[in-house]
């Protein structure tokens, strides 16, 4: 089953191997055929099943002003450690 976002207002989150703590959060807008889409308050987040297991229960945060756009994962209950910049994390699988 294809589960694509209905418009261009979305972000795809992946948890990639690497970074100081073991995994890094990556954000893009390339949807894969087997991705899952979650929506709340008109905001869509797209994630693959493997990444979902790494970020389940997390909150996504998006900030934009005239100078910067920033997206991050907040309060990941599965994360055991995080780097100071909030981009890399570790989990016990």
C-alpha atoms as a PDB file:
ATOM      1  CA  UNK A   1       0.000   0.000   0.000  1.00  0.00           C
ATOM      2  CA  UNK A   2       1.355   3.417  -0.919  1.00  0.00           C
ATOM      3  CA  UNK A   3       0.958   5.960   1.831  1.00  0.00           C
ATOM      4  CA  UNK A   4       2.018   9.256   0.226  1.00  0.00           C
ATOM      5  CA  UNK A   5       1.377  12.743   1.593  1.00  0.00           C
ATOM      6  CA  UNK A   6      -1.484  14.570  -0.081  1.00  0.00           C
ATOM      7  CA  UNK A   7       0.483  17.805  -0.631  1.00  0.00           C
ATOM      8  CA  UNK A   8       3.980  19.283  -0.527  1.00  0.00           C
ATOM      9  CA  UNK A   9       3.747  20.341   3.141  1.00  0.00           C
ATOM     10  CA  UNK A  10       5.648  17.472   4.709  1.00  0.00           C
ATOM     11  CA  UNK A  11       9.037  16.343   5.890  1.00  0.00           C
ATOM     12  CA  UNK A  12      10.568  12.876   5.800  1.00  0.00           C
ATOM     13  CA  UNK A  13      12.568  11.835   8.857  1.00  0.00           C
ATOM     14  CA  UNK A  14      15.171   9.079   8.799  1.00  0.00           C
ATOM     15  CA  UNK A  15      17.479   7.740  11.468  1.00  0.00           C
ATOM     16  CA  UNK A  16      20.814   7.058   9.802  1.00  0.00           C
ATOM     17  CA  UNK A  17      23.734   5.138  11.264  1.00  0.00           C
ATOM     18  CA  UNK A  18      26.549   7.519  12.215  1.00  0.00           C
ATOM     19  CA  UNK A  19      27.191  10.582  14.297  1.00  0.00           C
ATOM     20  CA  UNK A  20      28.887  10.788  17.678  1.00  0.00           C
ATOM     21  CA  UNK A  21      26.177   8.846  19.486  1.00  0.00           C
ATOM     22  CA  UNK A  22      25.405   6.106  16.939  1.00  0.00           C
ATOM     23  CA  UNK A  23      22.537   7.516  14.831  1.00  0.00           C
ATOM     24  CA  UNK A  24      21.715  10.870  13.251  1.00  0.00           C
ATOM     25  CA  UNK A  25      18.386  12.455  12.412  1.00  0.00           C
ATOM     26  CA  UNK A  26      18.102  13.319   8.716  1.00  0.00           C
ATOM     27  CA  UNK A  27      15.305  15.367   7.101  1.00  0.00           C
ATOM     28  CA  UNK A  28      14.342  15.504   3.430  1.00  0.00           C
ATOM     29  CA  UNK A  29      11.329  15.555   1.118  1.00  0.00           C
ATOM     30  CA  UNK A  30      11.891  12.348  -0.879  1.00  0.00           C
ATOM     31  CA  UNK A  31       9.085   9.876  -0.234  1.00  0.00           C
ATOM     32  CA  UNK A  32       9.672   6.141  -0.625  1.00  0.00           C
ATOM     33  CA  UNK A  33       6.913   3.738  -1.681  1.00  0.00           C
ATOM     34  CA  UNK A  34       6.655   1.957   1.681  1.00  0.00           C
ATOM     35  CA  UNK A  35       6.845   5.092   3.897  1.00  0.00           C
ATOM     36  CA  UNK A  36       4.206   5.847   6.495  1.00  0.00           C
ATOM     37  CA  UNK A  37       2.584   9.274   6.872  1.00  0.00           C
ATOM     38  CA  UNK A  38       1.474  10.807  10.155  1.00  0.00           C
ATOM     39  CA  UNK A  39      -0.485  14.055  10.380  1.00  0.00           C
ATOM     40  CA  UNK A  40      -1.387  16.341  13.237  1.00  0.00           C
ATOM     41  CA  UNK A  41      -2.758  19.869  13.016  1.00  0.00           C
ATOM     42  CA  UNK A  42      -2.175  19.911   9.249  1.00  0.00           C
ATOM     43  CA  UNK A  43       1.506  18.973   9.507  1.00  0.00           C
ATOM     44  CA  UNK A  44       2.628  15.744   7.851  1.00  0.00           C
ATOM     45  CA  UNK A  45       5.673  13.701   8.846  1.00  0.00           C
ATOM     46  CA  UNK A  46       6.804  10.827   6.647  1.00  0.00           C
ATOM     47  CA  UNK A  47       8.923   8.004   8.053  1.00  0.00           C
ATOM     48  CA  UNK A  48      10.034   4.508   7.085  1.00  0.00           C
ATOM     49  CA  UNK A  49       9.326   1.551   9.406  1.00  0.00           C
ATOM     50  CA  UNK A  50      12.957   1.191  10.558  1.00  0.00           C
ATOM     51  CA  UNK A  51      13.169   4.852  11.568  1.00  0.00           C
ATOM     52  CA  UNK A  52       9.798   4.636  13.284  1.00  0.00           C
ATOM     53  CA  UNK A  53      11.321   2.065  15.642  1.00  0.00           C
ATOM     54  CA  UNK A  54      14.089   4.585  16.506  1.00  0.00           C
ATOM     55  CA  UNK A  55      11.862   7.634  17.094  1.00  0.00           C
ATOM     56  CA  UNK A  56       8.556   6.149  18.296  1.00  0.00           C
ATOM     57  CA  UNK A  57       6.992   8.488  20.871  1.00  0.00           C
ATOM     58  CA  UNK A  58       9.114  11.494  19.857  1.00  0.00           C
ATOM     59  CA  UNK A  59       7.975  15.001  19.069  1.00  0.00           C
ATOM     60  CA  UNK A  60       8.985  16.809  15.900  1.00  0.00           C
ATOM     61  CA  UNK A  61       9.737  20.507  16.114  1.00  0.00           C
ATOM     62  CA  UNK A  62       9.926  23.035  13.283  1.00  0.00           C
ATOM     63  CA  UNK A  63      11.057  26.628  13.642  1.00  0.00           C
ATOM     64  CA  UNK A  64      11.191  29.295  10.962  1.00  0.00           C
ATOM     65  CA  UNK A  65      11.953  33.005  10.965  1.00  0.00           C
ATOM     66  CA  UNK A  66      13.462  35.451   8.476  1.00  0.00           C
ATOM     67  CA  UNK A  67      16.974  34.075   8.913  1.00  0.00           C
ATOM     68  CA  UNK A  68      16.704  30.353   9.664  1.00  0.00           C
ATOM     69  CA  UNK A  69      14.585  27.247   9.255  1.00  0.00           C
ATOM     70  CA  UNK A  70      15.201  24.453  11.716  1.00  0.00           C
ATOM     71  CA  UNK A  71      13.656  21.042  12.186  1.00  0.00           C
ATOM     72  CA  UNK A  72      14.466  18.642  14.976  1.00  0.00           C
ATOM     73  CA  UNK A  73      13.322  15.634  16.945  1.00  0.00           C
ATOM     74  CA  UNK A  74      12.554  16.422  20.580  1.00  0.00           C
ATOM     75  CA  UNK A  75      12.004  14.207  23.599  1.00  0.00           C
ATOM     76  CA  UNK A  76      12.830  10.858  21.998  1.00  0.00           C
ATOM     77  CA  UNK A  77      11.891   8.402  24.781  1.00  0.00           C
ATOM     78  CA  UNK A  78      14.072   5.694  23.190  1.00  0.00           C
ATOM     79  CA  UNK A  79      17.215   7.843  23.076  1.00  0.00           C
ATOM     80  CA  UNK A  80      19.761   6.928  25.742  1.00  0.00           C
ATOM     81  CA  UNK A  81      22.256   9.671  24.886  1.00  0.00           C
ATOM     82  CA  UNK A  82      22.259  12.751  22.646  1.00  0.00           C
ATOM     83  CA  UNK A  83      25.026  14.956  21.372  1.00  0.00           C
ATOM     84  CA  UNK A  84      24.949  18.587  22.463  1.00  0.00           C
ATOM     85  CA  UNK A  85      23.673  19.759  19.061  1.00  0.00           C
ATOM     86  CA  UNK A  86      20.704  17.345  19.178  1.00  0.00           C
ATOM     87  CA  UNK A  87      21.457  15.765  15.807  1.00  0.00           C
ATOM     88  CA  UNK A  88      22.938  12.440  16.903  1.00  0.00           C
ATOM     89  CA  UNK A  89      21.523   9.969  19.407  1.00  0.00           C
ATOM     90  CA  UNK A  90      21.853   6.410  20.659  1.00  0.00           C
ATOM     91  CA  UNK A  91      19.261   3.757  21.426  1.00  0.00           C
ATOM     92  CA  UNK A  92      19.405   0.302  22.958  1.00  0.00           C
ATOM     93  CA  UNK A  93      17.945  -2.082  20.405  1.00  0.00           C
END
